[in-house]
């Protein structure tokens, strides 16, 4: 579902035609912020599905930053679009497999098939981290080759793989903690079949897409192989160095952005309500003293106050902060930013 928004962007924004340098730079910064924010909050979670949700935020941040590069440099869009599609397909398949595994984890026969279970969950996790020779490595190389045009994106993109590996190691640790020793029942076999199909797609589909042809051909070179390996090794080392601290600290509340949004919305509603009350008193006072001013002046002021009151009251409804942000982004596009 999260790819629907990306699909809408790709469909309706005129990529490859006009450069939106300011807006593109904003998307790059916001996307990279989301990429690291999702990792930092996700690694504290003790629910595997909540962790995967923050991982999705992180990966979508990378795609948003890539879209920002396309807005800044329209001449690279012909190469960037296939890389974005490949990355989105890879992420969708790997994340779907991990979510499905997290859902059926407690009903798997871990005691009897421990190594098979670990192999099954490690494959999509390694692909998501970008381990060399996985579909994730192919997708990351394809994306990196194009976005290097932007200095910030080209420099920071490899670092996101460190964070993703850190996050996937935490996910695997949670999976191990929650693993059940009960045998899989008949109801689980449908899930196992779906997971197996996803696992096959994770392994082979990205290699079969035409977008991956150039990226796959360079996977066996030493420079490309090492370029994909060192972030994974650093991410593994980072997890080993911080796992005791992570285990000792409490999980940050899932949906933290929504909590902050609600708090900000409460402040906006309070300010709007106070201002609206003052303007309502001013409107009543103006009506009582209307005999001191020309009638057309009074009516114009009353209409203006009524309009402001309507705007303020609309700010007391959910979604106002999103609407304000959307207006700001549309203004940036309209002004050629």
Protein backbone atom coordinates (compact mmCIF):
# COMPACT_ATOMS: atom_id res chain seq x y z
CA UNK A 1 0.00 0.00 0.00
CA UNK A 2 2.82 2.44 0.77
CA UNK A 3 3.94 2.16 -2.86
CA UNK A 4 0.62 3.66 -4.00
CA UNK A 5 1.80 7.15 -3.07
CA UNK A 6 5.05 6.63 -4.97
CA UNK A 7 3.09 5.40 -7.99
CA UNK A 8 0.96 8.54 -7.84
CA UNK A 9 4.06 10.72 -7.87
CA UNK A 10 5.56 8.87 -10.81
CA UNK A 11 2.27 9.14 -12.70
CA UNK A 12 1.37 12.79 -12.23
CA UNK A 13 4.55 14.79 -11.53
CA UNK A 14 6.26 15.94 -14.77
CA UNK A 15 9.63 14.28 -14.15
CA UNK A 16 12.32 14.75 -16.74
CA UNK A 17 10.88 18.00 -18.07
CA UNK A 18 11.51 20.81 -15.59
CA UNK A 19 14.09 21.14 -12.83
CA UNK A 20 12.72 21.86 -9.35
CA UNK A 21 16.01 22.43 -7.56
CA UNK A 22 14.69 23.74 -4.23
CA UNK A 23 11.83 21.27 -3.96
CA UNK A 24 14.08 18.42 -5.04
CA UNK A 25 16.69 19.32 -2.43
CA UNK A 26 13.94 19.44 0.20
CA UNK A 27 12.79 15.94 -0.74
CA UNK A 28 16.36 14.63 -0.61
CA UNK A 29 16.86 16.02 2.89
CA UNK A 30 13.45 14.85 4.15
CA UNK A 31 13.89 11.43 2.58
CA UNK A 32 17.32 10.86 4.11
CA UNK A 33 16.03 12.10 7.47
CA UNK A 34 13.20 9.55 7.29
CA UNK A 35 15.69 6.84 6.30
CA UNK A 36 17.74 7.31 9.48
CA UNK A 37 14.84 8.26 11.75
CA UNK A 38 13.07 5.00 10.89
CA UNK A 39 16.19 3.05 11.82
CA UNK A 40 16.84 4.87 15.11
CA UNK A 41 13.27 4.43 16.35
CA UNK A 42 12.74 1.00 14.83
CA UNK A 43 15.79 -0.53 16.47
CA UNK A 44 14.28 0.17 19.91
CA UNK A 45 11.07 -1.75 19.18
CA UNK A 46 10.36 -5.09 20.84
CA UNK A 47 7.56 -6.03 18.43
CA UNK A 48 8.90 -7.46 15.13
CA UNK A 49 6.00 -6.04 13.10
CA UNK A 50 6.46 -2.56 14.58
CA UNK A 51 10.15 -2.78 13.72
CA UNK A 52 9.32 -3.75 10.14
CA UNK A 53 6.93 -0.80 9.90
CA UNK A 54 9.75 1.58 10.84
CA UNK A 55 11.99 -0.23 8.37
CA UNK A 56 9.42 0.56 5.67
CA UNK A 57 9.55 4.21 6.70
CA UNK A 58 13.32 4.09 6.29
CA UNK A 59 13.20 2.43 2.86
CA UNK A 60 10.50 4.78 1.61
CA UNK A 61 12.71 7.64 2.76
CA UNK A 62 15.40 6.38 0.40
CA UNK A 63 12.91 6.30 -2.48
CA UNK A 64 11.66 9.80 -1.64
CA UNK A 65 15.25 11.07 -1.68
CA UNK A 66 15.75 9.38 -5.06
CA UNK A 67 12.65 11.14 -6.38
CA UNK A 68 14.15 14.39 -5.09
CA UNK A 69 17.26 13.73 -7.18
CA UNK A 70 15.00 13.26 -10.20
CA UNK A 71 13.37 16.63 -9.54
CA UNK A 72 16.74 18.36 -9.22
CA UNK A 73 18.29 16.76 -12.30
CA UNK A 74 15.63 16.04 -14.95
CA UNK A 75 18.28 14.82 -17.40
CA UNK A 76 18.92 11.68 -15.29
CA UNK A 77 15.26 10.68 -15.01
CA UNK A 78 15.39 8.21 -17.90
CA UNK A 79 17.99 6.22 -15.94
CA UNK A 80 16.57 6.93 -12.49
CA UNK A 81 13.03 5.69 -13.12
CA UNK A 82 14.02 2.05 -13.84
CA UNK A 83 16.26 2.08 -10.75
CA UNK A 84 13.40 3.36 -8.56
CA UNK A 85 11.03 0.72 -9.95
CA UNK A 86 13.59 -2.03 -9.32
CA UNK A 87 14.20 -0.83 -5.77
CA UNK A 88 10.47 -0.61 -5.05
CA UNK A 89 9.82 -4.14 -6.37
CA UNK A 90 12.73 -5.55 -4.37
CA UNK A 91 11.61 -3.84 -1.18
CA UNK A 92 7.98 -4.83 -1.61
CA UNK A 93 8.80 -8.52 -2.03
CA UNK A 94 11.39 -8.71 0.75
CA UNK A 95 9.25 -6.78 3.23
CA UNK A 96 6.14 -8.83 2.41
CA UNK A 97 8.11 -12.01 3.11
CA UNK A 98 9.37 -10.64 6.44
CA UNK A 99 5.92 -9.48 7.54
CA UNK A 100 4.44 -12.87 6.67
CA UNK A 101 7.21 -14.64 8.57
CA UNK A 102 6.70 -12.40 11.60
CA UNK A 103 3.02 -13.29 11.58
CA UNK A 104 3.52 -17.05 11.46
CA UNK A 105 6.74 -17.17 13.48
CA UNK A 106 5.13 -18.43 16.67
CA UNK A 107 3.52 -21.40 14.90
CA UNK A 108 6.64 -22.73 13.16
CA UNK A 109 8.37 -25.94 14.24
CA UNK A 110 11.57 -24.22 15.32
CA UNK A 111 12.78 -27.12 17.44
CA UNK A 112 12.62 -29.55 14.53
CA UNK A 113 13.52 -27.28 11.60
CA UNK A 114 15.61 -24.58 13.25
CA UNK A 115 18.16 -24.12 10.47
CA UNK A 116 15.52 -24.11 7.75
CA UNK A 117 13.57 -21.46 9.66
CA UNK A 118 16.66 -19.32 10.12
CA UNK A 119 17.62 -19.63 6.46
CA UNK A 120 14.09 -18.71 5.40
CA UNK A 121 14.03 -15.49 7.41
CA UNK A 122 17.67 -14.54 6.81
CA UNK A 123 17.34 -14.52 3.02
CA UNK A 124 14.86 -11.61 2.74
CA UNK A 125 16.55 -9.83 5.67
CA UNK A 126 19.92 -10.05 3.93
CA UNK A 127 18.35 -8.85 0.68
CA UNK A 128 16.85 -5.85 2.45
CA UNK A 129 20.25 -5.03 3.95
CA UNK A 130 21.85 -5.20 0.50
CA UNK A 131 24.21 -8.13 1.07
CA UNK A 132 26.21 -8.76 -2.14
CA UNK A 133 24.66 -11.14 -4.68
CA UNK A 134 21.16 -10.61 -3.27
CA UNK A 135 18.34 -8.76 -5.02
CA UNK A 136 18.87 -5.90 -2.57
CA UNK A 137 22.46 -5.47 -3.71
CA UNK A 138 21.34 -5.34 -7.35
CA UNK A 139 18.68 -2.73 -6.54
CA UNK A 140 21.05 -0.59 -4.46
CA UNK A 141 23.77 -0.63 -7.13
CA UNK A 142 21.27 0.36 -9.82
CA UNK A 143 20.06 3.25 -7.67
CA UNK A 144 23.50 4.34 -6.50
CA UNK A 145 24.88 4.56 -10.04
CA UNK A 146 22.29 7.23 -10.88
CA UNK A 147 21.87 9.22 -7.66
CA UNK A 148 25.62 9.84 -7.33
CA UNK A 149 24.91 12.91 -9.45
CA UNK A 150 23.70 14.50 -6.20
CA UNK A 151 26.58 14.91 -3.74
CA UNK A 152 24.50 14.49 -0.57
CA UNK A 153 22.54 11.49 -1.82
CA UNK A 154 25.59 9.80 -3.30
CA UNK A 155 27.52 10.21 -0.05
CA UNK A 156 24.80 9.19 2.40
CA UNK A 157 23.13 6.33 0.47
CA UNK A 158 25.77 3.71 1.41
CA UNK A 159 25.37 4.70 5.07
CA UNK A 160 21.68 3.79 4.95
CA UNK A 161 22.71 0.18 4.36
CA UNK A 162 24.51 0.25 7.72
CA UNK A 163 21.30 1.33 9.40
CA UNK A 164 19.22 -1.26 7.54
CA UNK A 165 21.60 -4.04 8.57
CA UNK A 166 21.47 -2.83 12.18
CA UNK A 167 17.68 -2.92 12.01
CA UNK A 168 17.55 -6.37 10.41
CA UNK A 169 19.88 -7.80 13.06
CA UNK A 170 17.52 -6.49 15.72
CA UNK A 171 14.60 -8.05 13.83
CA UNK A 172 16.33 -11.43 13.70
CA UNK A 173 17.04 -11.21 17.42
CA UNK A 174 13.37 -10.55 18.15
CA UNK A 175 12.37 -13.43 15.88
CA UNK A 176 14.67 -15.73 17.82
CA UNK A 177 13.26 -14.56 21.14
CA UNK A 178 9.68 -15.16 20.05
CA UNK A 179 10.31 -18.46 18.25
CA UNK A 180 7.91 -21.19 19.32
CA UNK A 181 8.70 -24.87 19.76
CA UNK A 182 5.26 -26.03 18.64
CA UNK A 183 4.74 -27.90 15.38
CA UNK A 184 3.08 -26.13 12.48
CA UNK A 185 -0.58 -27.05 12.18
CA UNK A 186 -2.60 -27.59 9.01
CA UNK A 187 -3.82 -23.99 9.07
CA UNK A 188 -0.24 -22.79 8.77
CA UNK A 189 0.56 -24.62 5.56
CA UNK A 190 -1.20 -22.05 3.39
CA UNK A 191 0.95 -19.35 4.98
CA UNK A 192 4.04 -21.49 4.43
CA UNK A 193 3.15 -21.85 0.76
CA UNK A 194 2.65 -18.10 0.34
CA UNK A 195 5.90 -17.40 2.17
CA UNK A 196 7.75 -19.92 -0.01
CA UNK A 197 6.43 -18.23 -3.16
CA UNK A 198 7.53 -14.83 -1.87
CA UNK A 199 10.94 -16.22 -0.98
CA UNK A 200 11.44 -17.51 -4.51
CA UNK A 201 10.41 -14.14 -5.93
CA UNK A 202 12.81 -12.34 -3.58
CA UNK A 203 15.66 -14.51 -4.83
CA UNK A 204 14.97 -14.60 -8.56
CA UNK A 205 12.53 -11.92 -9.71
CA UNK A 206 14.79 -8.89 -9.35
CA UNK A 207 17.39 -10.62 -11.49
CA UNK A 208 14.83 -11.28 -14.21
CA UNK A 209 13.64 -7.68 -14.51
CA UNK A 210 15.21 -5.77 -17.41
CA UNK A 211 16.08 -2.92 -15.02
CA UNK A 212 18.57 -5.16 -13.20
CA UNK A 213 20.64 -6.19 -16.21
CA UNK A 214 23.41 -3.63 -15.83
CA UNK A 215 23.51 -3.79 -12.04
CA UNK A 216 23.72 -7.59 -11.97
CA UNK A 217 26.58 -7.77 -14.48
CA UNK A 218 28.83 -5.79 -12.13
CA UNK A 219 28.09 -7.73 -8.94
CA UNK A 220 31.10 -10.01 -9.32
CA UNK A 221 33.66 -7.22 -9.62
CA UNK A 222 35.76 -6.67 -6.51
CA UNK A 223 34.91 -2.98 -6.13
CA UNK A 224 31.14 -3.50 -6.39
CA UNK A 225 31.21 -6.58 -4.15
CA UNK A 226 33.19 -4.77 -1.46
CA UNK A 227 31.03 -1.66 -1.86
CA UNK A 228 28.01 -3.73 -0.88
CA UNK A 229 29.78 -5.77 1.80
CA UNK A 230 31.37 -3.13 4.03
CA UNK A 231 28.09 -1.41 5.06
CA UNK A 232 26.64 -4.81 6.03
CA UNK A 233 29.73 -5.66 8.08
CA UNK A 234 29.61 -2.28 9.85
CA UNK A 235 25.89 -2.68 10.51
CA UNK A 236 26.51 -6.11 12.02
CA UNK A 237 29.29 -4.71 14.20
CA UNK A 238 27.09 -1.81 15.26
CA UNK A 239 24.37 -4.19 16.39
CA UNK A 240 26.82 -6.36 18.33
CA UNK A 241 28.19 -3.26 20.06
CA UNK A 242 24.78 -1.85 20.98
CA UNK A 243 22.57 -4.90 21.58
CA UNK A 244 23.07 -4.88 25.36
CA UNK A 245 22.10 -1.21 25.51
CA UNK A 246 19.10 -1.74 23.22
CA UNK A 247 17.88 -4.67 25.30
CA UNK A 248 18.15 -2.61 28.49
CA UNK A 249 16.24 0.40 27.21
CA UNK A 250 12.50 0.54 26.76
CA UNK A 251 10.90 0.66 23.33
CA UNK A 252 9.92 4.08 22.07
CA UNK A 253 6.14 4.25 21.59
CA UNK A 254 5.09 2.97 18.19
CA UNK A 255 3.37 5.69 16.20
CA UNK A 256 5.53 8.38 17.79
CA UNK A 257 5.00 10.73 14.86
CA UNK A 258 1.25 10.46 15.32
CA UNK A 259 1.65 11.29 19.02
CA UNK A 260 3.69 14.38 18.16
CA UNK A 261 1.18 15.30 15.45
CA UNK A 262 -1.68 15.09 17.94
CA UNK A 263 0.20 17.28 20.42
CA UNK A 264 0.94 19.85 17.72
CA UNK A 265 -2.68 19.69 16.60
CA UNK A 266 -3.84 20.36 20.16
CA UNK A 267 -1.67 23.48 20.32
CA UNK A 268 -2.98 24.67 16.95
CA UNK A 269 -6.57 24.07 18.03
CA UNK A 270 -5.98 25.93 21.31
CA UNK A 271 -4.50 28.94 19.53
CA UNK A 272 -7.21 28.94 16.88
CA UNK A 273 -9.95 28.63 19.49
CA UNK A 274 -8.58 31.51 21.56
CA UNK A 275 -8.22 33.73 18.49
CA UNK A 276 -11.69 32.79 17.28
CA UNK A 277 -13.23 33.76 20.62
CA UNK A 278 -11.52 37.14 20.48
CA UNK A 279 -12.67 37.77 16.92
CA UNK A 280 -16.22 36.74 17.79
CA UNK A 281 -16.25 39.35 20.57
CA UNK A 282 -14.84 41.91 18.13
CA UNK A 283 -17.57 41.05 15.63
CA UNK A 284 -20.29 41.53 18.24
CA UNK A 285 -18.75 44.82 19.34
CA UNK A 286 -18.60 45.99 15.74
CA UNK A 287 -22.30 45.25 15.25
CA UNK A 288 -23.21 47.20 18.39
CA UNK A 289 -21.23 50.26 17.27
CA UNK A 290 -22.15 50.06 13.59
CA UNK A 291 -23.97 53.43 13.78
CA UNK A 292 -20.58 55.16 14.17
CA UNK A 293 -19.28 53.93 10.77
CA UNK A 294 -20.64 53.83 7.20
CA UNK A 295 -22.74 50.70 6.64
CA UNK A 296 -20.63 49.37 3.75
CA UNK A 297 -17.46 49.60 5.88
CA UNK A 298 -19.14 47.72 8.71
CA UNK A 299 -20.38 44.98 6.39
CA UNK A 300 -16.94 44.58 4.79
CA UNK A 301 -15.26 44.22 8.18
CA UNK A 302 -17.89 41.74 9.37
CA UNK A 303 -17.40 39.63 6.23
CA UNK A 304 -13.62 39.68 6.73
CA UNK A 305 -13.95 38.63 10.37
CA UNK A 306 -16.42 35.88 9.38
CA UNK A 307 -13.95 34.58 6.80
CA UNK A 308 -11.11 34.53 9.33
CA UNK A 309 -13.36 32.76 11.83
CA UNK A 310 -14.23 30.10 9.25
CA UNK A 311 -10.54 29.51 8.54
CA UNK A 312 -9.70 29.31 12.24
CA UNK A 313 -12.53 26.87 12.91
CA UNK A 314 -11.33 24.68 10.08
CA UNK A 315 -7.96 24.58 11.83
CA UNK A 316 -9.66 22.80 14.72
CA UNK A 317 -10.34 19.75 12.54
CA UNK A 318 -7.93 16.82 12.02
CA UNK A 319 -5.62 17.07 9.05
CA UNK A 320 -4.87 20.78 9.20
CA UNK A 321 -1.14 20.32 9.68
CA UNK A 322 -1.00 18.00 6.69
CA UNK A 323 -3.02 20.49 4.65
CA UNK A 324 -0.64 23.32 5.57
CA UNK A 325 2.37 21.19 4.62
CA UNK A 326 0.73 20.23 1.33
CA UNK A 327 0.01 23.88 0.53
CA UNK A 328 3.64 24.77 1.23
CA UNK A 329 4.85 22.02 -1.10
CA UNK A 330 2.43 23.07 -3.85
CA UNK A 331 3.58 26.65 -3.47
CA UNK A 332 7.18 25.53 -3.90
CA UNK A 333 6.27 23.70 -7.10
CA UNK A 334 4.18 26.60 -8.44
CA UNK A 335 7.00 29.09 -7.90
CA UNK A 336 9.49 26.88 -9.72
CA UNK A 337 11.36 25.94 -6.53
